[in-house]
Amino acid sequence: MSLRHPLVVLALLAIPAAASAGPTKRECIRANEDAQDQRRAGKLVAAHQNLVACIAASCPGPIREDCLQRLHEVDAALPRLVFDVKDGSGKVPTDVRISDSHGRLLATRLDGTAIPVDPGPLELAFEGVDGVRTELTLVAHEGDGERHIPVTLGAPRTSLADAPVAAVPPPSSPLVSPSRDASNAGGTERTIGLILGGAGVASLVLGSVFAVVAKSTYDGAKVCPNACTGPGYQQGQSAYTEAGVATAGFVAGAALLLGGATLYWAAPRGQTVSVSPTVGSGGAGLGVRWRW
């Protein structure tokens, strides 16, 4: 999973602080479940907060992984608004109170930081330190990214509900956390599957060649054991060796074909796949293991 959004970066940086609070296993599970319900209800801000809580170091590993994946998805969908506020004289004030129609305070100071909001219609009020205010109506959409909204204090109530969305995609944030790009999910496994399948076909061909050679060698020594000569005995031993190589080629070819087909057809569903050779006293094979 590639973590590309600033809010996910901030969430990861907050893990040590969350670990000091030490949410319990029950609290981690509850936060994950609440976040899923909130995500379905469109309450992305609350879902984001719960997902940040359940990636704390005190949470069990599988829950952290699940929450981190969901956090990445929620962060990609979360609208973020940057308000470019000016007063009547064109100056840019920094001390501005922003509240929604429910009276919830979204910000008291503007420094260019994007403010996350839930998708849907918003009614916002902006008020400067001198009491001059204005009201704004707009609609936030999932996946807007960072959207810049111009605001003029003291202006009549403005509605941007029908205005086109000018979204700025969030910048990529290089992190060392390994993840898989969804657009390339399974690409490596499919490539490995094709390579293994090709190796399997080659092994089957090699086994067939040795089988033919072993048959020919055995036919040349078939007078043994009734009238076995030294060269005849050696041909018989060679035939057995060649037959053994042919059998190993057939077994390895079948295993490689099966493993390659499994990798190729299972890879598009995005599971984690591992392939490892197995060697034992009875021969060699191929081990394929995946996790959903």
C-alpha atoms as a PDB file:
ATOM      1  CA  MET A   1       0.000   0.000   0.000  1.00  0.00           C
ATOM      2  CA  SER A   2       1.654   3.327  -1.068  1.00  0.00           C
ATOM      3  CA  LEU A   3       0.934   6.148   1.420  1.00  0.00           C
ATOM      4  CA  ARG A   4       0.679   9.327  -0.590  1.00  0.00           C
ATOM      5  CA  HIS A   5      -1.308  11.848   1.359  1.00  0.00           C
ATOM      6  CA  PRO A   6      -0.215  14.401   3.977  1.00  0.00           C
ATOM      7  CA  LEU A   7      -2.842  13.373   6.519  1.00  0.00           C
ATOM      8  CA  VAL A   8      -1.587   9.788   6.421  1.00  0.00           C
ATOM      9  CA  VAL A   9       1.947  11.074   7.011  1.00  0.00           C
ATOM     10  CA  LEU A  10       0.755  13.074  10.016  1.00  0.00           C
ATOM     11  CA  ALA A  11      -1.096  10.015  11.296  1.00  0.00           C
ATOM     12  CA  LEU A  12       2.059   7.911  11.124  1.00  0.00           C
ATOM     13  CA  LEU A  13       4.046  10.585  12.894  1.00  0.00           C
ATOM     14  CA  ALA A  14       1.399  10.581  15.626  1.00  0.00           C
ATOM     15  CA  ILE A  15       1.855   6.854  16.366  1.00  0.00           C
ATOM     16  CA  PRO A  16       4.360   7.371  19.236  1.00  0.00           C
ATOM     17  CA  ALA A  17       1.968   9.809  20.930  1.00  0.00           C
ATOM     18  CA  ALA A  18      -0.927   7.376  20.493  1.00  0.00           C
ATOM     19  CA  ALA A  19       1.251   4.585  21.887  1.00  0.00           C
ATOM     20  CA  SER A  20       1.854   6.570  25.088  1.00  0.00           C
ATOM     21  CA  ALA A  21      -1.924   6.708  25.617  1.00  0.00           C
ATOM     22  CA  GLY A  22      -1.934   2.971  25.060  1.00  0.00           C
ATOM     23  CA  PRO A  23      -5.409   2.095  23.706  1.00  0.00           C
ATOM     24  CA  THR A  24      -6.411  -1.406  24.699  1.00  0.00           C
ATOM     25  CA  LYS A  25      -7.149  -4.189  22.256  1.00  0.00           C
ATOM     26  CA  ARG A  26     -10.893  -3.682  22.800  1.00  0.00           C
ATOM     27  CA  GLU A  27     -10.549   0.048  22.145  1.00  0.00           C
ATOM     28  CA  CYS A  28      -8.562  -0.620  18.981  1.00  0.00           C
ATOM     29  CA  ILE A  29     -11.227  -2.992  17.672  1.00  0.00           C
ATOM     30  CA  ARG A  30     -14.002  -0.554  18.559  1.00  0.00           C
ATOM     31  CA  ALA A  31     -12.216   2.324  16.814  1.00  0.00           C
ATOM     32  CA  ASN A  32     -11.803   0.227  13.662  1.00  0.00           C
ATOM     33  CA  GLU A  33     -15.472  -0.802  13.668  1.00  0.00           C
ATOM     34  CA  ASP A  34     -16.676   2.764  14.340  1.00  0.00           C
ATOM     35  CA  ALA A  35     -14.479   4.054  11.515  1.00  0.00           C
ATOM     36  CA  GLN A  36     -16.060   1.606   9.071  1.00  0.00           C
ATOM     37  CA  ASP A  37     -19.576   2.715  10.072  1.00  0.00           C
ATOM     38  CA  GLN A  38     -18.585   6.376   9.825  1.00  0.00           C
ATOM     39  CA  ARG A  39     -16.991   5.823   6.414  1.00  0.00           C
ATOM     40  CA  ARG A  40     -20.221   4.326   5.098  1.00  0.00           C
ATOM     41  CA  ALA A  41     -22.199   7.232   6.577  1.00  0.00           C
ATOM     42  CA  GLY A  42     -19.930   9.807   4.900  1.00  0.00           C
ATOM     43  CA  LYS A  43     -18.490  11.036   8.209  1.00  0.00           C
ATOM     44  CA  LEU A  44     -14.927  10.991   6.947  1.00  0.00           C
ATOM     45  CA  VAL A  45     -13.437  13.352   9.526  1.00  0.00           C
ATOM     46  CA  ALA A  46     -14.591  11.167  12.432  1.00  0.00           C
ATOM     47  CA  ALA A  47     -13.550   8.012  10.558  1.00  0.00           C
ATOM     48  CA  HIS A  48     -10.089   9.499  10.034  1.00  0.00           C
ATOM     49  CA  GLN A  49      -9.738  10.227  13.767  1.00  0.00           C
ATOM     50  CA  ASN A  50     -10.724   6.673  14.734  1.00  0.00           C
ATOM     51  CA  LEU A  51      -8.352   5.147  12.180  1.00  0.00           C
ATOM     52  CA  VAL A  52      -5.492   7.249  13.554  1.00  0.00           C
ATOM     53  CA  ALA A  53      -6.323   5.839  16.997  1.00  0.00           C
ATOM     54  CA  CYS A  54      -6.248   2.187  15.893  1.00  0.00           C
ATOM     55  CA  ILE A  55      -2.822   2.385  14.223  1.00  0.00           C
ATOM     56  CA  ALA A  56      -1.228   3.000  17.628  1.00  0.00           C
ATOM     57  CA  ALA A  57       1.645   0.700  18.541  1.00  0.00           C
ATOM     58  CA  SER A  58      -0.373  -0.824  21.384  1.00  0.00           C
ATOM     59  CA  CYS A  59      -2.968  -2.178  18.945  1.00  0.00           C
ATOM     60  CA  PRO A  60      -2.592  -5.746  17.586  1.00  0.00           C
ATOM     61  CA  GLY A  61      -0.667  -6.010  14.323  1.00  0.00           C
ATOM     62  CA  PRO A  62      -3.557  -7.205  12.097  1.00  0.00           C
ATOM     63  CA  ILE A  63      -5.782  -4.366  13.356  1.00  0.00           C
ATOM     64  CA  ARG A  64      -3.034  -1.795  12.722  1.00  0.00           C
ATOM     65  CA  GLU A  65      -2.575  -3.076   9.170  1.00  0.00           C
ATOM     66  CA  ASP A  66      -6.313  -2.973   8.483  1.00  0.00           C
ATOM     67  CA  CYS A  67      -6.651   0.521   9.965  1.00  0.00           C
ATOM     68  CA  LEU A  68      -3.652   1.810   8.025  1.00  0.00           C
ATOM     69  CA  GLN A  69      -5.142   0.557   4.749  1.00  0.00           C
ATOM     70  CA  ARG A  70      -8.503   2.147   5.568  1.00  0.00           C
ATOM     71  CA  LEU A  71      -6.768   5.357   6.666  1.00  0.00           C
ATOM     72  CA  HIS A  72      -5.118   5.614   3.268  1.00  0.00           C
ATOM     73  CA  GLU A  73      -8.498   5.164   1.539  1.00  0.00           C
ATOM     74  CA  VAL A  74     -10.287   7.680   3.776  1.00  0.00           C
ATOM     75  CA  ASP A  75      -7.510  10.226   3.372  1.00  0.00           C
ATOM     76  CA  ALA A  76      -7.754   9.927  -0.419  1.00  0.00           C
ATOM     77  CA  ALA A  77     -11.502  10.642  -0.254  1.00  0.00           C
ATOM     78  CA  LEU A  78     -11.428  13.333   2.452  1.00  0.00           C
ATOM     79  CA  PRO A  79     -12.146  16.843   1.097  1.00  0.00           C
ATOM     80  CA  ARG A  80      -9.709  19.483   2.327  1.00  0.00           C
ATOM     81  CA  LEU A  81     -10.434  23.198   2.066  1.00  0.00           C
ATOM     82  CA  VAL A  82      -7.941  26.057   2.053  1.00  0.00           C
ATOM     83  CA  PHE A  83      -9.671  29.400   2.667  1.00  0.00           C
ATOM     84  CA  ASP A  84      -8.036  32.412   1.015  1.00  0.00           C
ATOM     85  CA  VAL A  85      -9.549  35.132   3.233  1.00  0.00           C
ATOM     86  CA  LYS A  86      -9.252  38.872   2.612  1.00  0.00           C
ATOM     87  CA  ASP A  87     -10.909  41.826   4.278  1.00  0.00           C
ATOM     88  CA  GLY A  88     -12.657  44.707   2.536  1.00  0.00           C
ATOM     89  CA  SER A  89      -9.351  46.520   1.908  1.00  0.00           C
ATOM     90  CA  GLY A  90      -7.703  43.491   0.325  1.00  0.00           C
ATOM     91  CA  LYS A  91      -5.513  42.647   3.304  1.00  0.00           C
ATOM     92  CA  VAL A  92      -5.043  39.041   4.406  1.00  0.00           C
ATOM     93  CA  PRO A  93      -6.005  38.582   8.073  1.00  0.00           C
ATOM     94  CA  THR A  94      -4.750  35.563   9.990  1.00  0.00           C
ATOM     95  CA  ASP A  95      -7.014  35.622  13.042  1.00  0.00           C
ATOM     96  CA  VAL A  96     -10.293  34.424  11.572  1.00  0.00           C
ATOM     97  CA  ARG A  97     -12.856  32.230  13.286  1.00  0.00           C
ATOM     98  CA  ILE A  98     -14.512  29.666  11.026  1.00  0.00           C
ATOM     99  CA  SER A  99     -17.576  27.782  12.237  1.00  0.00           C
ATOM    100  CA  ASP A 100     -20.219  25.616  10.605  1.00  0.00           C
ATOM    101  CA  SER A 101     -24.007  25.789  10.784  1.00  0.00           C
ATOM    102  CA  HIS A 102     -23.969  23.589  13.920  1.00  0.00           C
ATOM    103  CA  GLY A 103     -21.745  26.056  15.751  1.00  0.00           C
ATOM    104  CA  ARG A 104     -18.692  23.788  15.619  1.00  0.00           C
ATOM    105  CA  LEU A 105     -15.439  25.742  15.438  1.00  0.00           C
ATOM    106  CA  LEU A 106     -13.279  24.598  12.513  1.00  0.00           C
ATOM    107  CA  ALA A 107     -10.409  27.076  12.898  1.00  0.00           C
ATOM    108  CA  THR A 108      -9.410  30.237  14.747  1.00  0.00           C
ATOM    109  CA  ARG A 109      -6.307  31.105  12.766  1.00  0.00           C
ATOM    110  CA  LEU A 110      -5.469  30.754   9.081  1.00  0.00           C
ATOM    111  CA  ASP A 111      -1.935  29.765   8.080  1.00  0.00           C
ATOM    112  CA  GLY A 112      -2.560  28.082   4.725  1.00  0.00           C
ATOM    113  CA  THR A 113      -3.230  24.689   6.275  1.00  0.00           C
ATOM    114  CA  ALA A 114      -6.008  22.689   4.619  1.00  0.00           C
ATOM    115  CA  ILE A 115      -9.034  21.985   6.828  1.00  0.00           C
ATOM    116  CA  PRO A 116     -10.588  18.510   6.428  1.00  0.00           C
ATOM    117  CA  VAL A 117     -14.377  18.442   6.129  1.00  0.00           C
ATOM    118  CA  ASP A 118     -17.048  15.844   5.502  1.00  0.00           C
ATOM    119  CA  PRO A 119     -18.403  15.640   1.953  1.00  0.00           C
ATOM    120  CA  GLY A 120     -21.757  17.283   1.331  1.00  0.00           C
ATOM    121  CA  PRO A 121     -23.294  20.769   1.643  1.00  0.00           C
ATOM    122  CA  LEU A 122     -21.602  23.132   4.073  1.00  0.00           C
ATOM    123  CA  GLU A 123     -22.756  26.433   5.570  1.00  0.00           C
ATOM    124  CA  LEU A 124     -19.768  28.286   7.019  1.00  0.00           C
ATOM    125  CA  ALA A 125     -19.394  31.563   8.866  1.00  0.00           C
ATOM    126  CA  PHE A 126     -16.156  33.616   8.847  1.00  0.00           C
ATOM    127  CA  GLU A 127     -15.537  36.331  11.440  1.00  0.00           C
ATOM    128  CA  GLY A 128     -12.518  38.591  11.867  1.00  0.00           C
ATOM    129  CA  VAL A 129     -11.185  40.059  15.121  1.00  0.00           C
ATOM    130  CA  ASP A 130     -13.098  43.300  14.398  1.00  0.00           C
ATOM    131  CA  GLY A 131     -16.394  41.407  14.261  1.00  0.00           C
ATOM    132  CA  VAL A 132     -16.791  41.715  10.492  1.00  0.00           C
ATOM    133  CA  ARG A 133     -18.191  38.471   9.155  1.00  0.00           C
ATOM    134  CA  THR A 134     -19.530  36.779   6.077  1.00  0.00           C
ATOM    135  CA  GLU A 135     -21.288  33.528   5.319  1.00  0.00           C
ATOM    136  CA  LEU A 136     -20.545  31.008   2.613  1.00  0.00           C
ATOM    137  CA  THR A 137     -22.413  28.007   1.257  1.00  0.00           C
ATOM    138  CA  LEU A 138     -20.616  25.318  -0.733  1.00  0.00           C
ATOM    139  CA  VAL A 139     -20.626  21.603  -1.499  1.00  0.00           C
ATOM    140  CA  ALA A 140     -17.602  19.445  -0.735  1.00  0.00           C
ATOM    141  CA  HIS A 141     -17.061  16.273  -2.753  1.00  0.00           C
ATOM    142  CA  GLU A 142     -15.136  13.105  -2.013  1.00  0.00           C
ATOM    143  CA  GLY A 143     -11.732  13.157  -3.676  1.00  0.00           C
ATOM    144  CA  ASP A 144     -11.668  16.956  -4.057  1.00  0.00           C
ATOM    145  CA  GLY A 145      -8.121  17.086  -2.738  1.00  0.00           C
ATOM    146  CA  GLU A 146      -7.028  20.535  -1.572  1.00  0.00           C
ATOM    147  CA  ARG A 147      -9.604  23.021  -2.804  1.00  0.00           C
ATOM    148  CA  HIS A 148      -8.903  26.745  -2.470  1.00  0.00           C
ATOM    149  CA  ILE A 149     -11.931  28.869  -1.565  1.00  0.00           C
ATOM    150  CA  PRO A 150     -11.779  32.705  -1.853  1.00  0.00           C
ATOM    151  CA  VAL A 151     -13.558  34.540   0.972  1.00  0.00           C
ATOM    152  CA  THR A 152     -14.034  38.287   1.497  1.00  0.00           C
ATOM    153  CA  LEU A 153     -14.991  39.418   4.989  1.00  0.00           C
ATOM    154  CA  GLY A 154     -17.988  41.743   5.003  1.00  0.00           C
ATOM    155  CA  ALA A 155     -19.213  40.522   1.605  1.00  0.00           C
ATOM    156  CA  PRO A 156     -22.842  39.410   1.175  1.00  0.00           C
ATOM    157  CA  ARG A 157     -23.659  35.777   1.720  1.00  0.00           C
ATOM    158  CA  THR A 158     -22.082  33.762  -1.097  1.00  0.00           C
ATOM    159  CA  SER A 159     -23.076  30.390  -2.494  1.00  0.00           C
ATOM    160  CA  LEU A 160     -20.570  28.175  -4.302  1.00  0.00           C
ATOM    161  CA  ALA A 161     -22.939  25.214  -4.454  1.00  0.00           C
ATOM    162  CA  ASP A 162     -23.099  25.320  -8.256  1.00  0.00           C
ATOM    163  CA  ALA A 163     -19.519  26.412  -8.832  1.00  0.00           C
ATOM    164  CA  PRO A 164     -17.144  23.945 -10.497  1.00  0.00           C
ATOM    165  CA  VAL A 165     -14.723  22.169  -8.224  1.00  0.00           C
ATOM    166  CA  ALA A 166     -11.121  23.302  -8.647  1.00  0.00           C
ATOM    167  CA  ALA A 167      -9.328  20.465  -6.957  1.00  0.00           C
ATOM    168  CA  VAL A 168      -5.608  20.321  -6.375  1.00  0.00           C
ATOM    169  CA  PRO A 169      -4.430  16.731  -5.986  1.00  0.00           C
ATOM    170  CA  PRO A 170      -2.585  16.195  -2.698  1.00  0.00           C
ATOM    171  CA  PRO A 171       1.215  15.978  -3.073  1.00  0.00           C
ATOM    172  CA  SER A 172       2.923  12.642  -2.963  1.00  0.00           C
ATOM    173  CA  SER A 173       4.739  11.932   0.271  1.00  0.00           C
ATOM    174  CA  PRO A 174       7.605   9.436  -0.049  1.00  0.00           C
ATOM    175  CA  LEU A 175       7.488   7.079   2.911  1.00  0.00           C
ATOM    176  CA  VAL A 176       9.511   3.973   3.620  1.00  0.00           C
ATOM    177  CA  SER A 177       6.386   1.958   4.346  1.00  0.00           C
ATOM    178  CA  PRO A 178       6.225  -0.757   1.667  1.00  0.00           C
ATOM    179  CA  SER A 179       2.905  -1.066  -0.102  1.00  0.00           C
ATOM    180  CA  ARG A 180       1.427  -2.128  -3.373  1.00  0.00           C
ATOM    181  CA  ASP A 181       0.022   0.265  -5.976  1.00  0.00           C
ATOM    182  CA  ALA A 182      -3.580  -0.750  -6.629  1.00  0.00           C
ATOM    183  CA  SER A 183      -3.142  -0.079 -10.372  1.00  0.00           C
ATOM    184  CA  ASN A 184      -0.339  -2.671 -10.446  1.00  0.00           C
ATOM    185  CA  ALA A 185      -1.804  -5.146  -7.958  1.00  0.00           C
ATOM    186  CA  GLY A 186      -0.700  -8.671  -8.829  1.00  0.00           C
ATOM    187  CA  GLY A 187       1.611  -7.577 -11.658  1.00  0.00           C
ATOM    188  CA  THR A 188       4.720  -9.110 -10.077  1.00  0.00           C
ATOM    189  CA  GLU A 189       2.920 -12.363  -9.234  1.00  0.00           C
ATOM    190  CA  ARG A 190       1.568 -12.677 -12.771  1.00  0.00           C
ATOM    191  CA  THR A 191       5.046 -12.180 -14.196  1.00  0.00           C
ATOM    192  CA  ILE A 192       6.466 -14.822 -11.855  1.00  0.00           C
ATOM    193  CA  GLY A 193       3.588 -17.119 -12.795  1.00  0.00           C
ATOM    194  CA  LEU A 194       4.398 -16.813 -16.491  1.00  0.00           C
ATOM    195  CA  ILE A 195       8.088 -17.474 -15.828  1.00  0.00           C
ATOM    196  CA  LEU A 196       7.297 -20.542 -13.732  1.00  0.00           C
ATOM    197  CA  GLY A 197       4.879 -21.781 -16.377  1.00  0.00           C
ATOM    198  CA  GLY A 198       7.546 -21.421 -19.070  1.00  0.00           C
ATOM    199  CA  ALA A 199      10.047 -23.264 -16.889  1.00  0.00           C
ATOM    200  CA  GLY A 200       7.462 -26.006 -16.355  1.00  0.00           C
ATOM    201  CA  VAL A 201       6.967 -26.465 -20.092  1.00  0.00           C
ATOM    202  CA  ALA A 202      10.736 -26.614 -20.617  1.00  0.00           C
ATOM    203  CA  SER A 203      11.058 -29.188 -17.839  1.00  0.00           C
ATOM    204  CA  LEU A 204       8.333 -31.350 -19.383  1.00  0.00           C
ATOM    205  CA  VAL A 205      10.062 -31.186 -22.774  1.00  0.00           C
ATOM    206  CA  LEU A 206      13.369 -32.148 -21.148  1.00  0.00           C
ATOM    207  CA  GLY A 207      11.670 -35.056 -19.370  1.00  0.00           C
ATOM    208  CA  SER A 208      10.178 -36.251 -22.656  1.00  0.00           C
ATOM    209  CA  VAL A 209      13.590 -36.154 -24.360  1.00  0.00           C
ATOM    210  CA  PHE A 210      15.201 -38.200 -21.597  1.00  0.00           C
ATOM    211  CA  ALA A 211      12.310 -40.661 -21.688  1.00  0.00           C
ATOM    212  CA  VAL A 212      12.896 -41.284 -25.399  1.00  0.00           C
ATOM    213  CA  VAL A 213      16.647 -41.607 -24.847  1.00  0.00           C
ATOM    214  CA  ALA A 214      16.105 -43.995 -21.915  1.00  0.00           C
ATOM    215  CA  LYS A 215      13.803 -46.189 -24.040  1.00  0.00           C
ATOM    216  CA  SER A 216      16.334 -46.315 -26.830  1.00  0.00           C
ATOM    217  CA  THR A 217      19.181 -47.168 -24.437  1.00  0.00           C
ATOM    218  CA  TYR A 218      17.107 -49.846 -22.723  1.00  0.00           C
ATOM    219  CA  ASP A 219      16.190 -51.455 -26.049  1.00  0.00           C
ATOM    220  CA  GLY A 220      19.895 -51.730 -26.853  1.00  0.00           C
ATOM    221  CA  ALA A 221      20.512 -53.616 -23.591  1.00  0.00           C
ATOM    222  CA  LYS A 222      17.297 -55.686 -23.482  1.00  0.00           C
ATOM    223  CA  VAL A 223      19.158 -59.005 -23.935  1.00  0.00           C
ATOM    224  CA  CYS A 224      20.137 -58.667 -20.274  1.00  0.00           C
ATOM    225  CA  PRO A 225      20.013 -60.523 -17.937  1.00  0.00           C
ATOM    226  CA  ASN A 226      19.835 -63.746 -19.962  1.00  0.00           C
ATOM    227  CA  ALA A 227      22.907 -63.048 -22.078  1.00  0.00           C
ATOM    228  CA  CYS A 228      24.213 -59.862 -20.482  1.00  0.00           C
ATOM    229  CA  THR A 229      27.577 -58.541 -21.610  1.00  0.00           C
ATOM    230  CA  GLY A 230      29.617 -55.798 -19.999  1.00  0.00           C
ATOM    231  CA  PRO A 231      28.497 -53.097 -22.439  1.00  0.00           C
ATOM    232  CA  GLY A 232      24.913 -54.344 -22.165  1.00  0.00           C
ATOM    233  CA  TYR A 233      24.987 -54.032 -18.400  1.00  0.00           C
ATOM    234  CA  GLN A 234      26.329 -50.491 -18.650  1.00  0.00           C
ATOM    235  CA  GLN A 235      23.588 -49.594 -21.143  1.00  0.00           C
ATOM    236  CA  GLY A 236      20.974 -50.936 -18.751  1.00  0.00           C
ATOM    237  CA  GLN A 237      22.339 -48.798 -15.909  1.00  0.00           C
ATOM    238  CA  SER A 238      22.413 -45.761 -18.201  1.00  0.00           C
ATOM    239  CA  ALA A 239      18.825 -46.423 -19.203  1.00  0.00           C
ATOM    240  CA  TYR A 240      17.731 -46.458 -15.528  1.00  0.00           C
ATOM    241  CA  THR A 241      19.599 -43.170 -14.884  1.00  0.00           C
ATOM    242  CA  GLU A 242      18.051 -41.513 -17.924  1.00  0.00           C
ATOM    243  CA  ALA A 243      14.625 -42.753 -16.890  1.00  0.00           C
ATOM    244  CA  GLY A 244      15.142 -41.207 -13.441  1.00  0.00           C
ATOM    245  CA  VAL A 245      16.036 -37.869 -15.018  1.00  0.00           C
ATOM    246  CA  ALA A 246      12.934 -38.080 -17.219  1.00  0.00           C
ATOM    247  CA  THR A 247      10.727 -38.766 -14.191  1.00  0.00           C
ATOM    248  CA  ALA A 248      12.240 -35.830 -12.287  1.00  0.00           C
ATOM    249  CA  GLY A 249      11.635 -33.607 -15.322  1.00  0.00           C
ATOM    250  CA  PHE A 250       7.973 -34.620 -15.489  1.00  0.00           C
ATOM    251  CA  VAL A 251       7.452 -34.059 -11.746  1.00  0.00           C
ATOM    252  CA  ALA A 252       9.234 -30.689 -11.713  1.00  0.00           C
ATOM    253  CA  GLY A 253       7.437 -29.577 -14.885  1.00  0.00           C
ATOM    254  CA  ALA A 254       4.037 -30.417 -13.458  1.00  0.00           C
ATOM    255  CA  ALA A 255       4.861 -28.611 -10.189  1.00  0.00           C
ATOM    256  CA  LEU A 256       6.120 -25.523 -12.008  1.00  0.00           C
ATOM    257  CA  LEU A 257       3.069 -25.398 -14.280  1.00  0.00           C
ATOM    258  CA  LEU A 258       0.709 -25.762 -11.331  1.00  0.00           C
ATOM    259  CA  GLY A 259       2.544 -23.120  -9.315  1.00  0.00           C
ATOM    260  CA  GLY A 260       2.684 -20.732 -12.273  1.00  0.00           C
ATOM    261  CA  ALA A 261      -1.021 -21.132 -13.007  1.00  0.00           C
ATOM    262  CA  THR A 262      -1.880 -20.603  -9.332  1.00  0.00           C
ATOM    263  CA  LEU A 263       0.166 -17.406  -9.179  1.00  0.00           C
ATOM    264  CA  TYR A 264      -1.187 -16.046 -12.447  1.00  0.00           C
ATOM    265  CA  TRP A 265      -4.884 -16.602 -11.763  1.00  0.00           C
ATOM    266  CA  ALA A 266      -4.790 -15.731  -8.056  1.00  0.00           C
ATOM    267  CA  ALA A 267      -2.700 -12.549  -8.380  1.00  0.00           C
ATOM    268  CA  PRO A 268      -5.444 -10.159  -9.673  1.00  0.00           C
ATOM    269  CA  ARG A 269      -7.341 -10.508  -6.394  1.00  0.00           C
ATOM    270  CA  GLY A 270      -4.488  -8.712  -4.653  1.00  0.00           C
ATOM    271  CA  GLN A 271      -3.427 -11.285  -2.049  1.00  0.00           C
ATOM    272  CA  THR A 272       0.133 -11.607  -0.754  1.00  0.00           C
ATOM    273  CA  VAL A 273       1.805 -14.530  -2.489  1.00  0.00           C
ATOM    274  CA  SER A 274       5.086 -16.242  -1.633  1.00  0.00           C
ATOM    275  CA  VAL A 275       6.841 -18.955  -3.623  1.00  0.00           C
ATOM    276  CA  SER A 276       9.597 -21.187  -2.278  1.00  0.00           C
ATOM    277  CA  PRO A 277      11.288 -24.337  -3.567  1.00  0.00           C
ATOM    278  CA  THR A 278      11.103 -27.485  -1.431  1.00  0.00           C
ATOM    279  CA  VAL A 279      13.727 -30.203  -1.460  1.00  0.00           C
ATOM    280  CA  GLY A 280      13.440 -33.558   0.240  1.00  0.00           C
ATOM    281  CA  SER A 281      14.838 -37.037   0.083  1.00  0.00           C
ATOM    282  CA  GLY A 282      12.173 -38.027  -2.418  1.00  0.00           C
ATOM    283  CA  GLY A 283      12.756 -35.178  -4.870  1.00  0.00           C
ATOM    284  CA  ALA A 284      12.162 -31.467  -5.330  1.00  0.00           C
ATOM    285  CA  GLY A 285       9.002 -29.395  -5.603  1.00  0.00           C
ATOM    286  CA  LEU A 286       7.528 -25.933  -5.393  1.00  0.00           C
ATOM    287  CA  GLY A 287       5.676 -24.421  -2.435  1.00  0.00           C
ATOM    288  CA  VAL A 288       3.089 -21.715  -3.035  1.00  0.00           C
ATOM    289  CA  ARG A 289       1.506 -19.804  -0.135  1.00  0.00           C
ATOM    290  CA  TRP A 290      -0.802 -16.804  -0.120  1.00  0.00           C
ATOM    291  CA  ARG A 291      -2.622 -14.680   2.464  1.00  0.00           C
ATOM    292  CA  TRP A 292      -6.014 -13.030   1.808  1.00  0.00           C
END
